[in-house]
Amino acid sequence: MDKENLAPIMTIAEVAVYLGLHELTVRRLAREGAIPALKLGRQWRIKRDLLEKWIEKRSLHNLGGPAEEEKKGDDDPEVEATE
């Protein structure tokens, strides 16, 4: 999937392809609050920039990057709320 062609707001299906997961897995992660997602009516939407920040944050955490308390400048409450 070409990153430049992605919409700023993605569907469950687009996120599933982007992450290489099954759509039901992405839907479950959204429902559980494990990924930054927004429910509009009966459909889930994920802002691409929030998803990419979430991926970056989780990747650094999994690699033993700096502790969250030590990181400065990451004041995005939407990303924080999904942790």
PDB file of N, CA and C in Angstrom:
ATOM      1  N   MET A   1       0.850  -1.177   0.000  1.00  0.00           N
ATOM      2  CA  MET A   1       0.000   0.000   0.000  1.00  0.00           C
ATOM      3  C   MET A   1       0.888   1.229   0.000  1.00  0.00           C
ATOM      4  N   ASP A   2       0.633   2.138  -0.932  1.00  0.00           N
ATOM      5  CA  ASP A   2       1.426   3.347  -1.073  1.00  0.00           C
ATOM      6  C   ASP A   2       0.969   4.389  -0.056  1.00  0.00           C
ATOM      7  N   LYS A   3       1.858   4.791   0.830  1.00  0.00           N
ATOM      8  CA  LYS A   3       1.525   5.704   1.923  1.00  0.00           C
ATOM      9  C   LYS A   3       0.961   7.030   1.419  1.00  0.00           C
ATOM     10  N   GLU A   4       1.480   7.533   0.285  1.00  0.00           N
ATOM     11  CA  GLU A   4       1.028   8.821  -0.239  1.00  0.00           C
ATOM     12  C   GLU A   4      -0.418   8.770  -0.719  1.00  0.00           C
ATOM     13  N   ASN A   5      -0.914   7.599  -1.085  1.00  0.00           N
ATOM     14  CA  ASN A   5      -2.274   7.462  -1.594  1.00  0.00           C
ATOM     15  C   ASN A   5      -3.298   7.173  -0.505  1.00  0.00           C
ATOM     16  N   LEU A   6      -2.864   7.066   0.726  1.00  0.00           N
ATOM     17  CA  LEU A   6      -3.794   6.797   1.819  1.00  0.00           C
ATOM     18  C   LEU A   6      -4.568   8.053   2.180  1.00  0.00           C
ATOM     19  N   ALA A   7      -5.839   7.872   2.477  1.00  0.00           N
ATOM     20  CA  ALA A   7      -6.673   8.982   2.915  1.00  0.00           C
ATOM     21  C   ALA A   7      -6.267   9.390   4.323  1.00  0.00           C
ATOM     22  N   PRO A   8      -6.515  10.654   4.697  1.00  0.00           N
ATOM     23  CA  PRO A   8      -6.175  11.088   6.067  1.00  0.00           C
ATOM     24  C   PRO A   8      -6.997  10.362   7.126  1.00  0.00           C
ATOM     25  N   ILE A   9      -8.177   9.890   6.747  1.00  0.00           N
ATOM     26  CA  ILE A   9      -9.003   9.103   7.656  1.00  0.00           C
ATOM     27  C   ILE A   9      -9.241   7.757   6.988  1.00  0.00           C
ATOM     28  N   MET A  10      -8.869   6.697   7.690  1.00  0.00           N
ATOM     29  CA  MET A  10      -8.890   5.353   7.109  1.00  0.00           C
ATOM     30  C   MET A  10     -10.033   4.516   7.663  1.00  0.00           C
ATOM     31  N   THR A  11     -10.469   3.562   6.863  1.00  0.00           N
ATOM     32  CA  THR A  11     -11.495   2.600   7.283  1.00  0.00           C
ATOM     33  C   THR A  11     -10.801   1.412   7.951  1.00  0.00           C
ATOM     34  N   ILE A  12     -11.605   0.569   8.557  1.00  0.00           N
ATOM     35  CA  ILE A  12     -11.082  -0.665   9.155  1.00  0.00           C
ATOM     36  C   ILE A  12     -10.365  -1.495   8.094  1.00  0.00           C
ATOM     37  N   ALA A  13     -10.961  -1.608   6.912  1.00  0.00           N
ATOM     38  CA  ALA A  13     -10.358  -2.408   5.841  1.00  0.00           C
ATOM     39  C   ALA A  13      -8.995  -1.842   5.432  1.00  0.00           C
ATOM     40  N   GLU A  14      -8.888  -0.520   5.318  1.00  0.00           N
ATOM     41  CA  GLU A  14      -7.616   0.103   4.941  1.00  0.00           C
ATOM     42  C   GLU A  14      -6.561  -0.108   6.015  1.00  0.00           C
ATOM     43  N   VAL A  15      -6.958   0.034   7.270  1.00  0.00           N
ATOM     44  CA  VAL A  15      -6.019  -0.177   8.374  1.00  0.00           C
ATOM     45  C   VAL A  15      -5.572  -1.635   8.416  1.00  0.00           C
ATOM     46  N   ALA A  16      -6.482  -2.552   8.155  1.00  0.00           N
ATOM     47  CA  ALA A  16      -6.145  -3.975   8.159  1.00  0.00           C
ATOM     48  C   ALA A  16      -5.081  -4.269   7.101  1.00  0.00           C
ATOM     49  N   VAL A  17      -5.245  -3.731   5.915  1.00  0.00           N
ATOM     50  CA  VAL A  17      -4.249  -3.929   4.857  1.00  0.00           C
ATOM     51  C   VAL A  17      -2.934  -3.273   5.247  1.00  0.00           C
ATOM     52  N   TYR A  18      -3.011  -2.058   5.754  1.00  0.00           N
ATOM     53  CA  TYR A  18      -1.823  -1.293   6.145  1.00  0.00           C
ATOM     54  C   TYR A  18      -1.007  -2.021   7.211  1.00  0.00           C
ATOM     55  N   LEU A  19      -1.694  -2.616   8.196  1.00  0.00           N
ATOM     56  CA  LEU A  19      -1.015  -3.305   9.294  1.00  0.00           C
ATOM     57  C   LEU A  19      -0.785  -4.788   9.024  1.00  0.00           C
ATOM     58  N   GLY A  20      -1.396  -5.301   7.971  1.00  0.00           N
ATOM     59  CA  GLY A  20      -1.257  -6.727   7.665  1.00  0.00           C
ATOM     60  C   GLY A  20      -2.028  -7.605   8.633  1.00  0.00           C
ATOM     61  N   LEU A  21      -3.173  -7.112   9.074  1.00  0.00           N
ATOM     62  CA  LEU A  21      -4.016  -7.842  10.013  1.00  0.00           C
ATOM     63  C   LEU A  21      -5.369  -8.133   9.378  1.00  0.00           C
ATOM     64  N   HIS A  22      -6.110  -9.034   9.979  1.00  0.00           N
ATOM     65  CA  HIS A  22      -7.472  -9.316   9.543  1.00  0.00           C
ATOM     66  C   HIS A  22      -8.372  -8.166   9.990  1.00  0.00           C
ATOM     67  N   GLU A  23      -9.401  -7.875   9.212  1.00  0.00           N
ATOM     68  CA  GLU A  23     -10.325  -6.789   9.560  1.00  0.00           C
ATOM     69  C   GLU A  23     -10.967  -6.995  10.925  1.00  0.00           C
ATOM     70  N   LEU A  24     -11.310  -8.227  11.276  1.00  0.00           N
ATOM     71  CA  LEU A  24     -11.924  -8.481  12.582  1.00  0.00           C
ATOM     72  C   LEU A  24     -10.953  -8.169  13.719  1.00  0.00           C
ATOM     73  N   THR A  25      -9.672  -8.392  13.499  1.00  0.00           N
ATOM     74  CA  THR A  25      -8.668  -8.074  14.517  1.00  0.00           C
ATOM     75  C   THR A  25      -8.590  -6.568  14.714  1.00  0.00           C
ATOM     76  N   VAL A  26      -8.574  -5.817  13.627  1.00  0.00           N
ATOM     77  CA  VAL A  26      -8.520  -4.351  13.718  1.00  0.00           C
ATOM     78  C   VAL A  26      -9.778  -3.823  14.393  1.00  0.00           C
ATOM     79  N   ARG A  27     -10.931  -4.381  14.044  1.00  0.00           N
ATOM     80  CA  ARG A  27     -12.200  -3.964  14.664  1.00  0.00           C
ATOM     81  C   ARG A  27     -12.175  -4.233  16.175  1.00  0.00           C
ATOM     82  N   ARG A  28     -11.645  -5.382  16.570  1.00  0.00           N
ATOM     83  CA  ARG A  28     -11.554  -5.718  17.999  1.00  0.00           C
ATOM     84  C   ARG A  28     -10.612  -4.755  18.714  1.00  0.00           C
ATOM     85  N   LEU A  29      -9.459  -4.469  18.098  1.00  0.00           N
ATOM     86  CA  LEU A  29      -8.506  -3.534  18.702  1.00  0.00           C
ATOM     87  C   LEU A  29      -9.132  -2.149  18.864  1.00  0.00           C
ATOM     88  N   ALA A  30      -9.904  -1.717  17.881  1.00  0.00           N
ATOM     89  CA  ALA A  30     -10.586  -0.420  17.970  1.00  0.00           C
ATOM     90  C   ALA A  30     -11.615  -0.432  19.098  1.00  0.00           C
ATOM     91  N   ARG A  31     -12.412  -1.485  19.143  1.00  0.00           N
ATOM     92  CA  ARG A  31     -13.462  -1.604  20.171  1.00  0.00           C
ATOM     93  C   ARG A  31     -12.866  -1.609  21.580  1.00  0.00           C
ATOM     94  N   GLU A  32     -11.711  -2.267  21.737  1.00  0.00           N
ATOM     95  CA  GLU A  32     -11.053  -2.356  23.043  1.00  0.00           C
ATOM     96  C   GLU A  32     -10.245  -1.114  23.384  1.00  0.00           C
ATOM     97  N   GLY A  33     -10.121  -0.185  22.440  1.00  0.00           N
ATOM     98  CA  GLY A  33      -9.346   1.028  22.683  1.00  0.00           C
ATOM     99  C   GLY A  33      -7.850   0.812  22.557  1.00  0.00           C
ATOM    100  N   ALA A  34      -7.450  -0.281  21.935  1.00  0.00           N
ATOM    101  CA  ALA A  34      -6.031  -0.588  21.792  1.00  0.00           C
ATOM    102  C   ALA A  34      -5.368   0.218  20.679  1.00  0.00           C
ATOM    103  N   ILE A  35      -6.159   0.685  19.713  1.00  0.00           N
ATOM    104  CA  ILE A  35      -5.636   1.557  18.663  1.00  0.00           C
ATOM    105  C   ILE A  35      -6.467   2.834  18.660  1.00  0.00           C
ATOM    106  N   PRO A  36      -5.885   3.948  18.230  1.00  0.00           N
ATOM    107  CA  PRO A  36      -6.639   5.209  18.220  1.00  0.00           C
ATOM    108  C   PRO A  36      -7.706   5.188  17.127  1.00  0.00           C
ATOM    109  N   ALA A  37      -8.961   5.051  17.516  1.00  0.00           N
ATOM    110  CA  ALA A  37     -10.050   4.946  16.548  1.00  0.00           C
ATOM    111  C   ALA A  37     -11.261   5.728  17.024  1.00  0.00           C
ATOM    112  N   LEU A  38     -12.110   6.070  16.077  1.00  0.00           N
ATOM    113  CA  LEU A  38     -13.312   6.850  16.341  1.00  0.00           C
ATOM    114  C   LEU A  38     -14.488   6.128  15.700  1.00  0.00           C
ATOM    115  N   LYS A  39     -15.559   5.983  16.437  1.00  0.00           N
ATOM    116  CA  LYS A  39     -16.745   5.347  15.870  1.00  0.00           C
ATOM    117  C   LYS A  39     -17.720   6.432  15.433  1.00  0.00           C
ATOM    118  N   LEU A  40     -18.042   6.409  14.143  1.00  0.00           N
ATOM    119  CA  LEU A  40     -19.013   7.337  13.563  1.00  0.00           C
ATOM    120  C   LEU A  40     -20.243   6.519  13.164  1.00  0.00           C
ATOM    121  N   GLY A  41     -21.294   6.654  13.944  1.00  0.00           N
ATOM    122  CA  GLY A  41     -22.462   5.817  13.704  1.00  0.00           C
ATOM    123  C   GLY A  41     -22.105   4.370  14.001  1.00  0.00           C
ATOM    124  N   ARG A  42     -22.203   3.521  12.975  1.00  0.00           N
ATOM    125  CA  ARG A  42     -21.871   2.102  13.148  1.00  0.00           C
ATOM    126  C   ARG A  42     -20.513   1.757  12.557  1.00  0.00           C
ATOM    127  N   GLN A  43     -19.797   2.765  12.047  1.00  0.00           N
ATOM    128  CA  GLN A  43     -18.527   2.503  11.378  1.00  0.00           C
ATOM    129  C   GLN A  43     -17.358   3.100  12.149  1.00  0.00           C
ATOM    130  N   TRP A  44     -16.236   2.386  12.120  1.00  0.00           N
ATOM    131  CA  TRP A  44     -15.005   2.858  12.743  1.00  0.00           C
ATOM    132  C   TRP A  44     -14.166   3.613  11.728  1.00  0.00           C
ATOM    133  N   ARG A  45     -13.506   4.680  12.187  1.00  0.00           N
ATOM    134  CA  ARG A  45     -12.567   5.440  11.367  1.00  0.00           C
ATOM    135  C   ARG A  45     -11.310   5.672  12.193  1.00  0.00           C
ATOM    136  N   ILE A  46     -10.179   5.678  11.510  1.00  0.00           N
ATOM    137  CA  ILE A  46      -8.883   5.864  12.170  1.00  0.00           C
ATOM    138  C   ILE A  46      -8.130   6.941  11.414  1.00  0.00           C
ATOM    139  N   LYS A  47      -7.712   7.988  12.138  1.00  0.00           N
ATOM    140  CA  LYS A  47      -6.910   9.032  11.508  1.00  0.00           C
ATOM    141  C   LYS A  47      -5.511   8.478  11.246  1.00  0.00           C
ATOM    142  N   ARG A  48      -5.081   8.605  10.005  1.00  0.00           N
ATOM    143  CA  ARG A  48      -3.792   8.047   9.603  1.00  0.00           C
ATOM    144  C   ARG A  48      -2.651   8.595  10.446  1.00  0.00           C
ATOM    145  N   ASP A  49      -2.622   9.910  10.693  1.00  0.00           N
ATOM    146  CA  ASP A  49      -1.505  10.473  11.460  1.00  0.00           C
ATOM    147  C   ASP A  49      -1.483   9.953  12.896  1.00  0.00           C
ATOM    148  N   LEU A  50      -2.657   9.744  13.508  1.00  0.00           N
ATOM    149  CA  LEU A  50      -2.696   9.188  14.862  1.00  0.00           C
ATOM    150  C   LEU A  50      -2.246   7.728  14.867  1.00  0.00           C
ATOM    151  N   LEU A  51      -2.638   6.986  13.838  1.00  0.00           N
ATOM    152  CA  LEU A  51      -2.219   5.592  13.727  1.00  0.00           C
ATOM    153  C   LEU A  51      -0.701   5.508  13.585  1.00  0.00           C
ATOM    154  N   GLU A  52      -0.138   6.371  12.753  1.00  0.00           N
ATOM    155  CA  GLU A  52       1.314   6.356  12.556  1.00  0.00           C
ATOM    156  C   GLU A  52       2.058   6.763  13.826  1.00  0.00           C
ATOM    157  N   LYS A  53       1.521   7.739  14.580  1.00  0.00           N
ATOM    158  CA  LYS A  53       2.125   8.110  15.867  1.00  0.00           C
ATOM    159  C   LYS A  53       2.044   6.939  16.851  1.00  0.00           C
ATOM    160  N   TRP A  54       0.897   6.258  16.857  1.00  0.00           N
ATOM    161  CA  TRP A  54       0.708   5.110  17.739  1.00  0.00           C
ATOM    162  C   TRP A  54       1.699   3.999  17.397  1.00  0.00           C
ATOM    163  N   ILE A  55       1.877   3.733  16.105  1.00  0.00           N
ATOM    164  CA  ILE A  55       2.836   2.713  15.666  1.00  0.00           C
ATOM    165  C   ILE A  55       4.239   3.093  16.099  1.00  0.00           C
ATOM    166  N   GLU A  56       4.617   4.336  15.874  1.00  0.00           N
ATOM    167  CA  GLU A  56       5.957   4.817  16.261  1.00  0.00           C
ATOM    168  C   GLU A  56       6.170   4.668  17.765  1.00  0.00           C
ATOM    169  N   LYS A  57       5.191   5.081  18.528  1.00  0.00           N
ATOM    170  CA  LYS A  57       5.293   5.018  19.989  1.00  0.00           C
ATOM    171  C   LYS A  57       5.410   3.572  20.476  1.00  0.00           C
ATOM    172  N   ARG A  58       4.573   2.697  19.921  1.00  0.00           N
ATOM    173  CA  ARG A  58       4.613   1.287  20.323  1.00  0.00           C
ATOM    174  C   ARG A  58       5.915   0.629  19.882  1.00  0.00           C
ATOM    175  N   SER A  59       6.415   1.002  18.703  1.00  0.00           N
ATOM    176  CA  SER A  59       7.673   0.439  18.199  1.00  0.00           C
ATOM    177  C   SER A  59       8.833   0.817  19.107  1.00  0.00           C
ATOM    178  N   LEU A  60       8.886   2.085  19.505  1.00  0.00           N
ATOM    179  CA  LEU A  60       9.957   2.543  20.399  1.00  0.00           C
ATOM    180  C   LEU A  60       9.845   1.849  21.745  1.00  0.00           C
ATOM    181  N   HIS A  61       8.631   1.713  22.233  1.00  0.00           N
ATOM    182  CA  HIS A  61       8.406   1.050  23.530  1.00  0.00           C
ATOM    183  C   HIS A  61       8.868  -0.405  23.469  1.00  0.00           C
ATOM    184  N   ASN A  62       8.505  -1.093  22.395  1.00  0.00           N
ATOM    185  CA  ASN A  62       8.870  -2.503  22.248  1.00  0.00           C
ATOM    186  C   ASN A  62      10.362  -2.705  22.047  1.00  0.00           C
ATOM    187  N   LEU A  63      11.044  -1.691  21.526  1.00  0.00           N
ATOM    188  CA  LEU A  63      12.487  -1.787  21.305  1.00  0.00           C
ATOM    189  C   LEU A  63      13.284  -1.308  22.509  1.00  0.00           C
ATOM    190  N   GLY A  64      12.603  -0.969  23.587  1.00  0.00           N
ATOM    191  CA  GLY A  64      13.288  -0.501  24.784  1.00  0.00           C
ATOM    192  C   GLY A  64      13.723   0.945  24.670  1.00  0.00           C
ATOM    193  N   GLY A  65      12.940   1.734  23.932  1.00  0.00           N
ATOM    194  CA  GLY A  65      13.225   3.153  23.768  1.00  0.00           C
ATOM    195  C   GLY A  65      13.024   3.896  25.075  1.00  0.00           C
ATOM    196  N   PRO A  66      13.139   5.216  25.028  1.00  0.00           N
ATOM    197  CA  PRO A  66      13.005   6.019  26.250  1.00  0.00           C
ATOM    198  C   PRO A  66      11.630   5.833  26.891  1.00  0.00           C
ATOM    199  N   ALA A  67      11.622   5.883  28.202  1.00  0.00           N
ATOM    200  CA  ALA A  67      10.371   5.745  28.943  1.00  0.00           C
ATOM    201  C   ALA A  67       9.450   6.897  28.591  1.00  0.00           C
ATOM    202  N   GLU A  68       8.153   6.660  28.701  1.00  0.00           N
ATOM    203  CA  GLU A  68       7.174   7.684  28.344  1.00  0.00           C
ATOM    204  C   GLU A  68       7.368   8.969  29.144  1.00  0.00           C
ATOM    205  N   GLU A  69       7.751   8.859  30.409  1.00  0.00           N
ATOM    206  CA  GLU A  69       7.936  10.037  31.238  1.00  0.00           C
ATOM    207  C   GLU A  69       9.116  10.878  30.766  1.00  0.00           C
ATOM    208  N   GLU A  70      10.080  10.250  30.128  1.00  0.00           N
ATOM    209  CA  GLU A  70      11.267  10.947  29.672  1.00  0.00           C
ATOM    210  C   GLU A  70      11.060  11.658  28.344  1.00  0.00           C
ATOM    211  N   LYS A  71      10.059  11.208  27.573  1.00  0.00           N
ATOM    212  CA  LYS A  71       9.831  11.800  26.263  1.00  0.00           C
ATOM    213  C   LYS A  71       9.148  13.147  26.435  1.00  0.00           C
ATOM    214  N   LYS A  72       9.646  14.149  25.761  1.00  0.00           N
ATOM    215  CA  LYS A  72       9.057  15.489  25.820  1.00  0.00           C
ATOM    216  C   LYS A  72       8.475  15.830  24.458  1.00  0.00           C
ATOM    217  N   GLY A  73       7.427  16.668  24.465  1.00  0.00           N
ATOM    218  CA  GLY A  73       6.864  17.145  23.225  1.00  0.00           C
ATOM    219  C   GLY A  73       5.778  16.260  22.646  1.00  0.00           C
ATOM    220  N   ASP A  74       5.453  15.156  23.270  1.00  0.00           N
ATOM    221  CA  ASP A  74       4.387  14.297  22.773  1.00  0.00           C
ATOM    222  C   ASP A  74       3.153  14.545  23.625  1.00  0.00           C
ATOM    223  N   ASP A  75       2.476  15.649  23.349  1.00  0.00           N
ATOM    224  CA  ASP A  75       1.340  16.070  24.161  1.00  0.00           C
ATOM    225  C   ASP A  75       0.009  15.749  23.495  1.00  0.00           C
ATOM    226  N   ASP A  76      -0.027  14.813  22.589  1.00  0.00           N
ATOM    227  CA  ASP A  76      -1.242  14.482  21.882  1.00  0.00           C
ATOM    228  C   ASP A  76      -2.137  13.614  22.763  1.00  0.00           C
ATOM    229  N   PRO A  77      -3.229  14.186  23.316  1.00  0.00           N
ATOM    230  CA  PRO A  77      -4.069  13.421  24.250  1.00  0.00           C
ATOM    231  C   PRO A  77      -4.772  12.242  23.581  1.00  0.00           C
ATOM    232  N   GLU A  78      -5.041  12.312  22.268  1.00  0.00           N
ATOM    233  CA  GLU A  78      -5.713  11.200  21.613  1.00  0.00           C
ATOM    234  C   GLU A  78      -4.832   9.977  21.561  1.00  0.00           C
ATOM    235  N   VAL A  79      -3.548  10.173  21.354  1.00  0.00           N
ATOM    236  CA  VAL A  79      -2.624   9.047  21.326  1.00  0.00           C
ATOM    237  C   VAL A  79      -2.439   8.509  22.730  1.00  0.00           C
ATOM    238  N   GLU A  80      -2.321   9.390  23.703  1.00  0.00           N
ATOM    239  CA  GLU A  80      -2.153   8.972  25.093  1.00  0.00           C
ATOM    240  C   GLU A  80      -3.347   8.170  25.580  1.00  0.00           C
ATOM    241  N   ALA A  81      -4.554   8.560  25.161  1.00  0.00           N
ATOM    242  CA  ALA A  81      -5.770   7.916  25.647  1.00  0.00           C
ATOM    243  C   ALA A  81      -5.866   6.465  25.212  1.00  0.00           C
ATOM    244  N   THR A  82      -5.127   6.072  24.180  1.00  0.00           N
ATOM    245  CA  THR A  82      -5.233   4.702  23.694  1.00  0.00           C
ATOM    246  C   THR A  82      -4.301   3.753  24.384  1.00  0.00           C
ATOM    247  N   GLU A  83      -3.454   4.250  25.219  1.00  0.00           N
ATOM    248  CA  GLU A  83      -2.475   3.395  25.896  1.00  0.00           C
ATOM    249  C   GLU A  83      -3.109   2.585  26.993  1.00  0.00           C
TER     250      GLU A  83
END
